[in-house]
Each structure stands twice: as C-alpha cells, then as structure tokens.
C-alpha cells in the first residue's frame, strides 16, 4: 500500500534508509534539510501489512528519487509521477529506476558510475596538511575564479549561489590550497547529512596539474568526513580515470541513472564528475 508520510514516520524512514547511506544521500539530505511538509517536497512509502516500509519515493520539486532494497512497487509509484505535469527527472540506482520503464516514459537516460568510501585504510594519514585551508564565505570569489579555469566544468548561473549556500548551511565544505594568494586546487563535498556526503569539484588549476595538489585536498577532506562517521560517495563516468578513486579506497556500488521525459533536456552534473581532474 502506498501512503504519503509525515514527520511521525521519521524514525522508520531513517532506519530503512541508513542501511545504504551513500545510495540514499540525496533522500536523506532532503529529508533532514526540508522535512515532510513543504510545497516543493513530498515523500511516499510502500508499506506492507505489518506496517514495515518496503520502498520510498521522494519528490523534490520536479525531481523524483525512488529507493528500495531490491524490488520496488514501480507501478503504483509511477501513478504518482505520471499525474505530475511538472515532472522533470527520475533518478536513482539503475536497478531501481529500470523497474519504472514499463510505467513511466523516458526519452533520454544518462548513466554514471557510483562509488563509495567507508573507511580510511587506503588514505595517506601521514600526508602533509600544511597549506590546506577550509573555505568560508570570504573565499567564494577565489574559488569561483579557479572553477572558471576548469574547462571540464560547466559552471551554471547558480553555481556561486550553490557554493555560498553549502558553506552557510554546512551542507558542504571545501578544502583548498593557495599559492601567491591564488587558489590553485580544491575539493568539496555537497549534500552532506548525518550519514553521508558526496565528493564534488575536485580540481587543480591547468598550470598546476600533475603535482598531486588535488589528491592532497581530497585525502584530507575524506579523512575528516569519515572521522565523523559518514560514508562518502561520488559519480564518475570515465572507468579509466575511476582507478584514481579506487586507489583511495572507493568501491563501485552500482550505476546511477538519470531519466528524463520527452520535453525536458538532460542536465549536466556540473562539477559532480571530476574523473580526469584528481591529479
């Protein structure tokens, strides 16, 4: 049975989601940040006769995020999506979103590898942290100047606002290195919540690549986030470059699928895919 849930379900919902905190990064972050009763966000659950949750569907504006351990009630969840004239995207683990294909029309699909880091055993705990700084609002201008130099990034009109919001709300952090008052390398998290965080925006200035600066920033960032008991995850779409992350201990946990209806253009991940930049 599909039910629309509210705050009274919170403990059951989090218990269900926390078994796979990386896969549920966006759902957990949206619930913690916006709750159950807003105009732009709704959450439904597939509940069995014993009252146990068997699947989740979250709507954030026009974006839908489904999750289940294995099989999801795609047919009944799809009825909710198909009634929404503002539906823009269905995204999640490929094995879950594929179950919606008989019921929801997709025009285009974009897939990326999805990797997770749960422990720091592969990280260099003795690396030199001298020169690594954690960004504040005062550093936004310098960080944006670096990002504009990275041709692999597609910097959208809301990129600056998103960075400022992440730093202000503590839903993201950025570690960086400066040389001669110029930011030359950085690594960030986004969608941070009580259980997980996503690595994004790892880069070095084009003239400073192949010096290991981005790796230093990323290792320090990963160590600190892991020390808080959170899992880390990231997207990448280049398997060869993905070997860089695997050396740090990231493990592939599946494919992440973004599915768009006929009338909506596919969007880029902006800085989410940085598989050629961690050097």
Protein backbone atom coordinates (compact mmCIF):
# COMPACT_ATOMS: atom_id res chain seq x y z
CA UNK A 1 0.00 0.00 0.00
CA UNK A 2 1.34 3.44 -0.94
CA UNK A 3 0.96 6.09 1.76
CA UNK A 4 2.07 9.71 1.90
CA UNK A 5 4.16 10.02 5.03
CA UNK A 6 4.85 12.79 7.54
CA UNK A 7 7.15 13.50 10.47
CA UNK A 8 5.59 10.71 12.54
CA UNK A 9 7.27 8.22 10.18
CA UNK A 10 10.73 9.74 10.53
CA UNK A 11 12.37 7.05 12.67
CA UNK A 12 11.08 4.25 10.46
CA UNK A 13 12.18 6.10 7.32
CA UNK A 14 15.71 6.77 8.58
CA UNK A 15 16.07 3.20 9.83
CA UNK A 16 15.15 1.99 6.34
CA UNK A 17 17.49 4.40 4.53
CA UNK A 18 20.56 4.20 6.76
CA UNK A 19 21.46 0.67 5.65
CA UNK A 20 22.74 2.21 2.39
CA UNK A 21 23.61 5.80 3.32
CA UNK A 22 25.59 6.58 0.18
CA UNK A 23 22.88 5.43 -2.23
CA UNK A 24 20.35 7.40 -0.20
CA UNK A 25 22.50 10.52 0.13
CA UNK A 26 20.07 12.84 -1.66
CA UNK A 27 16.93 11.46 0.00
CA UNK A 28 18.47 11.69 3.49
CA UNK A 29 19.80 15.21 2.87
CA UNK A 30 16.44 16.43 1.51
CA UNK A 31 14.54 15.00 4.47
CA UNK A 32 16.96 16.45 7.03
CA UNK A 33 17.01 19.84 5.32
CA UNK A 34 13.35 20.26 4.35
CA UNK A 35 11.29 17.73 6.27
CA UNK A 36 7.99 16.18 5.23
CA UNK A 37 5.58 19.09 4.90
CA UNK A 38 6.64 21.63 2.29
CA UNK A 39 5.09 22.68 -1.00
CA UNK A 40 8.13 21.55 -3.00
CA UNK A 41 8.85 18.22 -1.29
CA UNK A 42 6.74 15.12 -0.65
CA UNK A 43 7.59 11.58 0.45
CA UNK A 44 5.62 8.39 -0.08
CA UNK A 45 6.27 4.89 1.27
CA UNK A 46 5.23 1.43 0.16
CA UNK A 47 4.06 -0.15 3.42
CA UNK A 48 3.27 -3.84 3.98
CA UNK A 49 0.51 -5.29 6.17
CA UNK A 50 2.81 -5.23 9.21
CA UNK A 51 3.49 -1.51 8.78
CA UNK A 52 7.06 -2.02 7.54
CA UNK A 53 8.49 0.12 4.74
CA UNK A 54 9.29 -1.71 1.51
CA UNK A 55 10.14 1.28 -0.68
CA UNK A 56 10.42 5.08 -0.73
CA UNK A 57 9.65 7.76 -3.31
CA UNK A 58 10.72 11.36 -2.70
CA UNK A 59 9.71 14.34 -4.81
CA UNK A 60 11.88 17.44 -4.68
CA UNK A 61 10.22 19.98 -6.97
CA UNK A 62 10.05 18.15 -10.31
CA UNK A 63 12.67 15.54 -9.44
CA UNK A 64 11.76 12.08 -8.18
CA UNK A 65 14.06 9.77 -6.20
CA UNK A 66 12.92 6.15 -5.68
CA UNK A 67 14.62 3.64 -3.40
CA UNK A 68 14.05 0.04 -2.34
CA UNK A 69 16.33 -2.76 -1.23
CA UNK A 70 15.63 -4.81 -4.38
CA UNK A 71 12.13 -4.81 -5.87
CA UNK A 72 10.17 -1.55 -5.82
CA UNK A 73 6.46 -1.03 -6.31
CA UNK A 74 7.15 0.81 -9.56
CA UNK A 75 3.63 0.51 -10.93
CA UNK A 76 1.93 2.32 -8.05
CA UNK A 77 4.73 4.84 -7.53
CA UNK A 78 4.59 5.59 -11.27
CA UNK A 79 0.94 6.62 -10.91
CA UNK A 80 2.09 9.46 -8.66
CA UNK A 81 4.80 10.57 -11.10
CA UNK A 82 2.55 10.42 -14.16
CA UNK A 83 0.00 12.74 -12.53
CA UNK A 84 2.65 15.42 -12.04
CA UNK A 85 2.77 17.79 -15.02
CA UNK A 86 5.99 19.33 -13.64
CA UNK A 87 7.89 16.01 -13.60
CA UNK A 88 11.45 16.67 -14.80
CA UNK A 89 13.62 13.71 -13.82
CA UNK A 90 13.60 10.28 -12.18
CA UNK A 91 16.99 9.37 -10.76
CA UNK A 92 18.46 6.65 -8.61
CA UNK A 93 20.30 3.36 -8.68
CA UNK A 94 19.93 1.85 -12.14
CA UNK A 95 18.43 -1.42 -10.89
CA UNK A 96 15.63 0.57 -9.26
CA UNK A 97 14.90 3.13 -11.99
CA UNK A 98 14.84 0.41 -14.66
CA UNK A 99 11.79 -1.08 -12.96
CA UNK A 100 9.84 2.09 -13.86
CA UNK A 101 10.34 1.71 -17.62
CA UNK A 102 7.05 -0.16 -18.26
CA UNK A 103 5.12 2.60 -16.48
CA UNK A 104 6.95 5.93 -16.98
CA UNK A 105 8.02 7.23 -20.39
CA UNK A 106 11.71 8.13 -20.63
CA UNK A 107 13.07 9.99 -23.62
CA UNK A 108 16.71 10.12 -22.52
CA UNK A 109 18.83 8.47 -19.89
CA UNK A 110 22.25 9.46 -18.55
CA UNK A 111 24.22 6.95 -16.51
CA UNK A 112 27.34 7.35 -14.37
CA UNK A 113 29.34 5.06 -12.14
CA UNK A 114 28.59 5.44 -8.44
CA UNK A 115 31.37 4.76 -5.92
CA UNK A 116 31.50 4.71 -2.13
CA UNK A 117 34.20 5.10 0.53
CA UNK A 118 33.50 3.78 4.03
CA UNK A 119 36.92 3.64 5.67
CA UNK A 120 40.23 5.47 5.53
CA UNK A 121 42.56 2.47 5.35
CA UNK A 122 43.76 3.38 1.85
CA UNK A 123 44.25 7.07 2.61
CA UNK A 124 47.65 8.53 3.38
CA UNK A 125 47.27 9.51 7.03
CA UNK A 126 50.79 10.94 7.08
CA UNK A 127 50.30 13.34 4.20
CA UNK A 128 51.38 16.92 4.81
CA UNK A 129 48.40 19.14 5.58
CA UNK A 130 50.43 22.34 5.61
CA UNK A 131 48.77 24.86 3.34
CA UNK A 132 45.35 23.17 3.26
CA UNK A 133 42.57 25.55 4.28
CA UNK A 134 38.84 25.08 4.80
CA UNK A 135 36.78 27.60 2.87
CA UNK A 136 34.50 30.24 4.34
CA UNK A 137 32.17 32.67 2.60
CA UNK A 138 35.12 35.03 2.21
CA UNK A 139 36.82 32.51 -0.08
CA UNK A 140 33.96 32.15 -2.58
CA UNK A 141 35.34 34.67 -5.09
CA UNK A 142 38.74 32.96 -5.19
CA UNK A 143 37.18 29.51 -5.54
CA UNK A 144 34.94 30.63 -8.38
CA UNK A 145 37.94 32.09 -10.20
CA UNK A 146 39.60 28.67 -10.11
CA UNK A 147 36.47 26.83 -11.25
CA UNK A 148 36.15 29.15 -14.26
CA UNK A 149 39.60 27.97 -15.37
CA UNK A 150 38.47 24.34 -15.49
CA UNK A 151 37.15 23.58 -18.97
CA UNK A 152 35.78 20.20 -17.81
CA UNK A 153 33.33 22.02 -15.51
CA UNK A 154 30.16 23.56 -16.88
CA UNK A 155 29.62 26.43 -14.46
CA UNK A 156 25.93 27.30 -14.42
CA UNK A 157 24.35 30.60 -13.38
CA UNK A 158 23.54 29.26 -9.90
CA UNK A 159 26.99 27.79 -9.18
CA UNK A 160 28.10 30.66 -6.97
CA UNK A 161 24.83 30.69 -5.06
CA UNK A 162 25.04 26.92 -4.54
CA UNK A 163 28.57 27.21 -3.15
CA UNK A 164 27.58 30.02 -0.80
CA UNK A 165 24.53 28.07 0.39
CA UNK A 166 26.55 24.92 1.04
CA UNK A 167 29.10 26.81 3.13
CA UNK A 168 26.44 28.77 5.02
CA UNK A 169 24.19 25.81 5.81
CA UNK A 170 27.08 23.39 6.47
CA UNK A 171 25.67 21.01 3.84
CA UNK A 172 29.03 21.14 2.09
CA UNK A 173 32.63 22.06 2.76
CA UNK A 174 35.61 22.90 0.55
CA UNK A 175 39.31 22.34 1.23
CA UNK A 176 41.77 24.30 -0.88
CA UNK A 177 45.41 25.22 -1.42
CA UNK A 178 46.62 28.73 -2.25
CA UNK A 179 49.83 29.85 -3.90
CA UNK A 180 50.66 33.56 -4.04
CA UNK A 181 47.13 34.42 -2.85
CA UNK A 182 45.54 32.42 -5.69
CA UNK A 183 43.54 29.23 -5.13
CA UNK A 184 45.27 26.55 -7.21
CA UNK A 185 43.48 23.40 -6.08
CA UNK A 186 40.36 22.34 -4.19
CA UNK A 187 37.97 19.53 -3.30
CA UNK A 188 34.42 19.83 -1.99
CA UNK A 189 31.52 17.93 -0.51
CA UNK A 190 27.85 18.50 -1.21
CA UNK A 191 24.53 17.15 0.11
CA UNK A 192 26.17 16.47 3.48
CA UNK A 193 23.84 14.92 6.02
CA UNK A 194 24.14 13.00 9.26
CA UNK A 195 25.10 9.77 7.48
CA UNK A 196 26.84 10.60 4.19
CA UNK A 197 28.34 13.19 1.85
CA UNK A 198 29.23 13.43 -1.84
CA UNK A 199 32.64 14.47 -3.18
CA UNK A 200 32.45 17.04 -5.99
CA UNK A 201 34.50 19.76 -7.64
CA UNK A 202 37.95 18.19 -7.27
CA UNK A 203 40.35 20.15 -9.45
CA UNK A 204 43.66 21.94 -9.91
CA UNK A 205 44.49 24.98 -11.97
CA UNK A 206 45.52 23.92 -15.51
CA UNK A 207 49.06 25.15 -14.83
CA UNK A 208 49.28 23.20 -11.55
CA UNK A 209 48.11 19.75 -12.61
CA UNK A 210 50.11 16.55 -12.12
CA UNK A 211 51.58 17.87 -8.86
CA UNK A 212 49.29 15.90 -6.57
CA UNK A 213 47.62 19.01 -5.14
CA UNK A 214 44.04 17.89 -5.75
CA UNK A 215 44.77 14.48 -4.28
CA UNK A 216 46.12 16.14 -1.12
CA UNK A 217 42.95 18.22 -0.76
CA UNK A 218 40.74 15.23 -1.43
CA UNK A 219 42.55 12.91 1.02
CA UNK A 220 42.33 15.48 3.81
CA UNK A 221 38.66 16.06 3.08
CA UNK A 222 37.88 12.34 3.01
CA UNK A 223 39.72 11.69 6.27
CA UNK A 224 37.82 14.42 8.10
CA UNK A 225 34.38 13.42 6.80
CA UNK A 226 35.00 9.73 7.55
CA UNK A 227 36.16 10.61 11.08
CA UNK A 228 32.65 12.00 11.68
CA UNK A 229 31.16 8.58 10.94
CA UNK A 230 29.85 9.47 7.49
CA UNK A 231 30.13 7.47 4.28
CA UNK A 232 31.45 9.21 1.17
CA UNK A 233 30.35 8.76 -2.43
CA UNK A 234 30.96 10.24 -5.87
CA UNK A 235 29.92 9.99 -9.51
CA UNK A 236 32.34 9.34 -12.36
CA UNK A 237 31.83 8.41 -16.00
CA UNK A 238 35.35 7.51 -17.11
CA UNK A 239 36.28 3.96 -15.96
CA UNK A 240 39.99 4.52 -16.62
CA UNK A 241 40.08 7.66 -14.51
CA UNK A 242 37.96 5.87 -11.89
CA UNK A 243 41.07 3.91 -10.96
CA UNK A 244 42.29 7.09 -9.23
CA UNK A 245 39.43 6.86 -6.75
CA UNK A 246 39.90 3.16 -6.23
CA UNK A 247 43.46 3.78 -5.11
CA UNK A 248 41.96 5.93 -2.34
CA UNK A 249 39.63 3.10 -1.34
CA UNK A 250 36.44 3.99 -3.22
CA UNK A 251 34.46 0.96 -4.40
CA UNK A 252 31.87 0.85 -7.16
CA UNK A 253 28.41 0.14 -5.75
CA UNK A 254 26.41 0.46 -8.95
CA UNK A 255 25.32 2.74 -11.74
CA UNK A 256 23.37 5.94 -11.09
CA UNK A 257 20.69 6.58 -13.69
CA UNK A 258 19.08 9.95 -14.54
CA UNK A 259 15.98 9.63 -16.70
CA UNK A 260 14.22 12.50 -18.47
CA UNK A 261 10.77 12.78 -20.07
CA UNK A 262 10.38 13.81 -23.70
CA UNK A 263 10.02 17.53 -23.10
CA UNK A 264 12.94 18.03 -20.69
CA UNK A 265 16.63 18.48 -21.64
CA UNK A 266 19.23 16.36 -19.90
CA UNK A 267 21.30 18.34 -17.40
CA UNK A 268 24.98 18.04 -16.64
CA UNK A 269 26.38 17.20 -13.23
CA UNK A 270 28.44 20.41 -13.40
CA UNK A 271 31.28 19.59 -11.02
CA UNK A 272 29.99 16.21 -9.86
CA UNK A 273 32.03 14.29 -12.42
CA UNK A 274 35.67 15.18 -12.00
CA UNK A 275 37.26 11.92 -13.04
CA UNK A 276 40.06 13.49 -15.09
CA UNK A 277 41.00 16.14 -12.55
CA UNK A 278 42.29 14.33 -9.45
CA UNK A 279 45.98 14.53 -10.18
